[in-house]
Amino acid sequence: MPTLIRLVIALLFIVGLGYAAMFALTVMVDPGEKEITVRIPARELVAQPVRLPDVQTTSNPTLPAQAPVPITTSTPSNEEAPLVQPGGPE
């Protein structure tokens, strides 16, 4: 048992030395600053078109493919949602 306690104390001492070294490095060392210039080629600044791969529309080849649903934008009519006036009903 005394050997185990000595081992634990020795390991704690080594860990404490490691933390003390890290703390000393953060307090005493100043990394300094310098200006960096990075050249970017003009071809990388222009957006290039993205081509999507052709994918199969169904996971089961025995089922018929469904036609794509058209996307439409419409404004709701007064029958769907009545408008509320700011002053309340009169």
N, C-alpha and C. Protein backbone atom coordinates (compact mmCIF):
# COMPACT_ATOMS: atom_id res chain seq x y z
N MET A 1 0.81 -1.20 0.00
CA MET A 1 0.00 0.00 0.00
C MET A 1 0.86 1.28 0.00
N PRO A 2 1.92 1.33 0.79
CA PRO A 2 2.76 2.54 0.76
C PRO A 2 3.39 2.77 -0.61
N THR A 3 3.67 1.68 -1.35
CA THR A 3 4.24 1.83 -2.67
C THR A 3 3.23 2.48 -3.63
N LEU A 4 1.95 2.10 -3.49
CA LEU A 4 0.89 2.68 -4.33
C LEU A 4 0.72 4.18 -4.03
N ILE A 5 0.76 4.54 -2.77
CA ILE A 5 0.64 5.94 -2.38
C ILE A 5 1.82 6.74 -2.92
N ARG A 6 3.03 6.19 -2.83
CA ARG A 6 4.20 6.87 -3.38
C ARG A 6 4.08 7.06 -4.89
N LEU A 7 3.57 6.03 -5.58
CA LEU A 7 3.37 6.12 -7.03
C LEU A 7 2.37 7.22 -7.38
N VAL A 8 1.25 7.25 -6.67
CA VAL A 8 0.22 8.28 -6.93
C VAL A 8 0.78 9.66 -6.65
N ILE A 9 1.50 9.82 -5.56
CA ILE A 9 2.09 11.13 -5.24
C ILE A 9 3.11 11.53 -6.30
N ALA A 10 3.92 10.60 -6.76
CA ALA A 10 4.91 10.91 -7.80
C ALA A 10 4.21 11.33 -9.10
N LEU A 11 3.15 10.61 -9.47
CA LEU A 11 2.41 10.97 -10.69
C LEU A 11 1.75 12.34 -10.55
N LEU A 12 1.17 12.62 -9.38
CA LEU A 12 0.58 13.95 -9.16
C LEU A 12 1.64 15.05 -9.23
N PHE A 13 2.83 14.77 -8.71
CA PHE A 13 3.92 15.74 -8.77
C PHE A 13 4.32 16.01 -10.22
N ILE A 14 4.42 14.96 -11.04
CA ILE A 14 4.78 15.13 -12.46
C ILE A 14 3.69 15.89 -13.21
N VAL A 15 2.42 15.58 -12.91
CA VAL A 15 1.32 16.31 -13.55
C VAL A 15 1.35 17.78 -13.13
N GLY A 16 1.63 18.03 -11.85
CA GLY A 16 1.73 19.42 -11.37
C GLY A 16 2.85 20.18 -12.06
N LEU A 17 3.99 19.51 -12.27
CA LEU A 17 5.09 20.16 -13.01
C LEU A 17 4.67 20.48 -14.45
N GLY A 18 3.93 19.59 -15.07
CA GLY A 18 3.44 19.84 -16.44
C GLY A 18 2.52 21.05 -16.49
N TYR A 19 1.58 21.12 -15.55
CA TYR A 19 0.68 22.27 -15.52
C TYR A 19 1.44 23.56 -15.22
N ALA A 20 2.42 23.50 -14.33
CA ALA A 20 3.22 24.68 -14.01
C ALA A 20 4.00 25.15 -15.24
N ALA A 21 4.53 24.20 -16.03
CA ALA A 21 5.26 24.56 -17.24
C ALA A 21 4.33 25.21 -18.26
N MET A 22 3.12 24.64 -18.42
CA MET A 22 2.16 25.25 -19.37
C MET A 22 1.75 26.65 -18.92
N PHE A 23 1.52 26.82 -17.62
CA PHE A 23 1.16 28.14 -17.12
C PHE A 23 2.29 29.14 -17.34
N ALA A 24 3.53 28.72 -17.08
CA ALA A 24 4.68 29.60 -17.28
C ALA A 24 4.81 30.00 -18.75
N LEU A 25 4.57 29.05 -19.66
CA LEU A 25 4.65 29.38 -21.08
C LEU A 25 3.59 30.40 -21.48
N THR A 26 2.38 30.28 -20.95
CA THR A 26 1.32 31.23 -21.33
C THR A 26 1.57 32.62 -20.76
N VAL A 27 2.21 32.70 -19.59
CA VAL A 27 2.43 34.00 -18.96
C VAL A 27 3.69 34.68 -19.49
N MET A 28 4.77 33.93 -19.68
CA MET A 28 6.06 34.54 -19.97
C MET A 28 6.39 34.67 -21.45
N VAL A 29 5.77 33.89 -22.33
CA VAL A 29 6.14 33.90 -23.74
C VAL A 29 5.13 34.73 -24.53
N ASP A 30 5.64 35.69 -25.29
CA ASP A 30 4.80 36.51 -26.17
C ASP A 30 5.11 36.11 -27.61
N PRO A 31 4.13 35.54 -28.34
CA PRO A 31 4.45 35.02 -29.66
C PRO A 31 4.75 36.09 -30.70
N GLY A 32 4.41 37.32 -30.47
CA GLY A 32 4.67 38.37 -31.45
C GLY A 32 3.72 38.29 -32.64
N GLU A 33 3.53 39.42 -33.28
CA GLU A 33 2.61 39.47 -34.41
C GLU A 33 3.34 39.93 -35.65
N LYS A 34 2.93 39.41 -36.80
CA LYS A 34 3.48 39.88 -38.06
C LYS A 34 2.38 39.83 -39.11
N GLU A 35 2.54 40.66 -40.12
CA GLU A 35 1.54 40.75 -41.17
C GLU A 35 1.77 39.65 -42.20
N ILE A 36 0.69 39.02 -42.65
CA ILE A 36 0.76 37.94 -43.62
C ILE A 36 -0.04 38.32 -44.85
N THR A 37 0.53 38.11 -46.03
CA THR A 37 -0.16 38.35 -47.29
C THR A 37 -0.36 37.02 -48.00
N VAL A 38 -1.61 36.74 -48.38
CA VAL A 38 -1.93 35.51 -49.08
C VAL A 38 -2.47 35.88 -50.46
N ARG A 39 -1.84 35.37 -51.51
CA ARG A 39 -2.29 35.65 -52.87
C ARG A 39 -3.32 34.60 -53.28
N ILE A 40 -4.46 35.09 -53.79
CA ILE A 40 -5.52 34.21 -54.26
C ILE A 40 -5.63 34.39 -55.76
N PRO A 41 -5.49 33.32 -56.54
CA PRO A 41 -5.63 33.44 -58.00
C PRO A 41 -7.03 33.90 -58.39
N ALA A 42 -7.11 34.68 -59.48
CA ALA A 42 -8.40 35.22 -59.91
C ALA A 42 -9.37 34.13 -60.29
N ARG A 43 -8.90 32.99 -60.80
CA ARG A 43 -9.81 31.92 -61.21
C ARG A 43 -10.55 31.32 -60.02
N GLU A 44 -10.00 31.45 -58.83
CA GLU A 44 -10.67 30.95 -57.64
C GLU A 44 -11.72 31.92 -57.12
N LEU A 45 -11.67 33.16 -57.54
CA LEU A 45 -12.65 34.15 -57.09
C LEU A 45 -13.93 34.12 -57.92
N VAL A 46 -13.87 33.57 -59.13
CA VAL A 46 -15.04 33.51 -59.99
C VAL A 46 -15.82 32.25 -59.65
N ALA A 47 -17.13 32.41 -59.45
CA ALA A 47 -17.98 31.26 -59.14
C ALA A 47 -18.14 30.39 -60.38
N GLN A 48 -17.91 29.10 -60.21
CA GLN A 48 -18.04 28.19 -61.33
C GLN A 48 -19.37 27.46 -61.22
N PRO A 49 -20.01 27.17 -62.37
CA PRO A 49 -21.32 26.51 -62.32
C PRO A 49 -21.19 25.10 -61.73
N VAL A 50 -22.21 24.72 -61.01
CA VAL A 50 -22.22 23.41 -60.39
C VAL A 50 -23.12 22.50 -61.21
N ARG A 51 -22.59 21.36 -61.62
CA ARG A 51 -23.38 20.40 -62.39
C ARG A 51 -23.76 19.26 -61.47
N LEU A 52 -25.07 19.06 -61.32
CA LEU A 52 -25.54 17.99 -60.46
C LEU A 52 -25.54 16.68 -61.23
N PRO A 53 -25.20 15.60 -60.58
CA PRO A 53 -25.19 14.30 -61.27
C PRO A 53 -26.61 13.82 -61.55
N ASP A 54 -26.76 13.04 -62.61
CA ASP A 54 -28.05 12.46 -62.93
C ASP A 54 -28.34 11.34 -61.92
N VAL A 55 -29.51 11.42 -61.30
CA VAL A 55 -29.86 10.41 -60.31
C VAL A 55 -31.14 9.72 -60.73
N GLN A 56 -31.32 8.50 -60.29
CA GLN A 56 -32.53 7.76 -60.59
C GLN A 56 -33.62 8.27 -59.66
N THR A 57 -34.84 8.44 -60.20
CA THR A 57 -35.91 9.05 -59.41
C THR A 57 -36.59 8.06 -58.48
N THR A 58 -36.51 6.77 -58.75
CA THR A 58 -37.14 5.79 -57.88
C THR A 58 -36.10 4.82 -57.36
N SER A 59 -36.33 4.33 -56.14
CA SER A 59 -35.41 3.36 -55.58
C SER A 59 -35.77 1.95 -56.02
N ASN A 60 -37.02 1.72 -56.43
CA ASN A 60 -37.46 0.41 -56.90
C ASN A 60 -37.69 0.50 -58.40
N PRO A 61 -36.89 -0.18 -59.23
CA PRO A 61 -37.04 -0.02 -60.68
C PRO A 61 -38.34 -0.61 -61.23
N THR A 62 -39.05 -1.40 -60.43
CA THR A 62 -40.31 -1.97 -60.93
C THR A 62 -41.46 -0.98 -60.84
N LEU A 63 -41.32 0.05 -59.97
CA LEU A 63 -42.38 1.04 -59.85
C LEU A 63 -42.20 2.11 -60.92
N PRO A 64 -43.31 2.68 -61.43
CA PRO A 64 -43.17 3.76 -62.41
C PRO A 64 -42.68 5.03 -61.74
N ALA A 65 -41.93 5.81 -62.47
CA ALA A 65 -41.40 7.07 -61.95
C ALA A 65 -42.52 8.10 -61.87
N GLN A 66 -42.52 8.89 -60.82
CA GLN A 66 -43.54 9.92 -60.66
C GLN A 66 -43.08 11.19 -61.36
N ALA A 67 -44.05 11.90 -61.91
CA ALA A 67 -43.75 13.16 -62.57
C ALA A 67 -43.42 14.20 -61.51
N PRO A 68 -42.50 15.11 -61.77
CA PRO A 68 -42.18 16.14 -60.79
C PRO A 68 -43.36 17.07 -60.58
N VAL A 69 -43.55 17.50 -59.34
CA VAL A 69 -44.64 18.40 -59.00
C VAL A 69 -44.19 19.82 -59.30
N PRO A 70 -44.99 20.57 -60.10
CA PRO A 70 -44.59 21.96 -60.40
C PRO A 70 -44.74 22.83 -59.15
N ILE A 71 -43.80 23.75 -59.00
CA ILE A 71 -43.83 24.68 -57.87
C ILE A 71 -44.53 25.95 -58.32
N THR A 72 -45.60 26.29 -57.63
CA THR A 72 -46.34 27.51 -57.97
C THR A 72 -46.43 28.38 -56.73
N THR A 73 -46.43 29.67 -56.96
CA THR A 73 -46.63 30.60 -55.86
C THR A 73 -47.95 31.30 -56.11
N SER A 74 -48.77 31.30 -55.10
CA SER A 74 -50.06 31.97 -55.23
C SER A 74 -50.33 32.74 -53.96
N THR A 75 -51.09 33.78 -54.08
CA THR A 75 -51.46 34.56 -52.91
C THR A 75 -52.76 34.01 -52.37
N PRO A 76 -52.89 33.92 -51.06
CA PRO A 76 -54.13 33.38 -50.51
C PRO A 76 -55.29 34.33 -50.75
N SER A 77 -56.44 33.78 -51.02
CA SER A 77 -57.63 34.61 -51.24
C SER A 77 -58.25 34.94 -49.90
N ASN A 78 -59.21 35.85 -49.89
CA ASN A 78 -59.88 36.25 -48.66
C ASN A 78 -60.70 35.11 -48.08
N GLU A 79 -61.07 34.13 -48.88
CA GLU A 79 -61.86 33.01 -48.39
C GLU A 79 -60.99 32.08 -47.53
N GLU A 80 -59.72 31.98 -47.81
CA GLU A 80 -58.85 31.08 -47.07
C GLU A 80 -58.53 31.62 -45.67
N ALA A 81 -58.12 32.87 -45.60
CA ALA A 81 -57.78 33.47 -44.31
C ALA A 81 -58.26 34.90 -44.30
N PRO A 82 -59.27 35.22 -43.48
CA PRO A 82 -59.76 36.60 -43.45
C PRO A 82 -58.73 37.53 -42.85
N LEU A 83 -58.67 38.75 -43.36
CA LEU A 83 -57.73 39.75 -42.86
C LEU A 83 -58.30 40.39 -41.59
N VAL A 84 -57.42 40.68 -40.63
CA VAL A 84 -57.82 41.33 -39.41
C VAL A 84 -57.41 42.78 -39.50
N GLN A 85 -58.34 43.68 -39.29
CA GLN A 85 -58.07 45.11 -39.33
C GLN A 85 -57.38 45.53 -38.05
N PRO A 86 -56.45 46.51 -38.12
CA PRO A 86 -55.68 46.92 -36.94
C PRO A 86 -56.54 47.50 -35.81
N GLY A 87 -57.67 48.14 -36.09
CA GLY A 87 -58.47 48.78 -35.06
C GLY A 87 -59.48 47.84 -34.44
N GLY A 88 -59.63 46.66 -34.92
CA GLY A 88 -60.63 45.73 -34.42
C GLY A 88 -61.95 45.96 -35.15
N PRO A 89 -62.93 45.12 -34.93
CA PRO A 89 -64.23 45.30 -35.61
C PRO A 89 -64.97 46.51 -35.07
N GLU A 90 -65.70 47.18 -35.93
CA GLU A 90 -66.44 48.36 -35.50
C GLU A 90 -67.92 48.10 -35.56
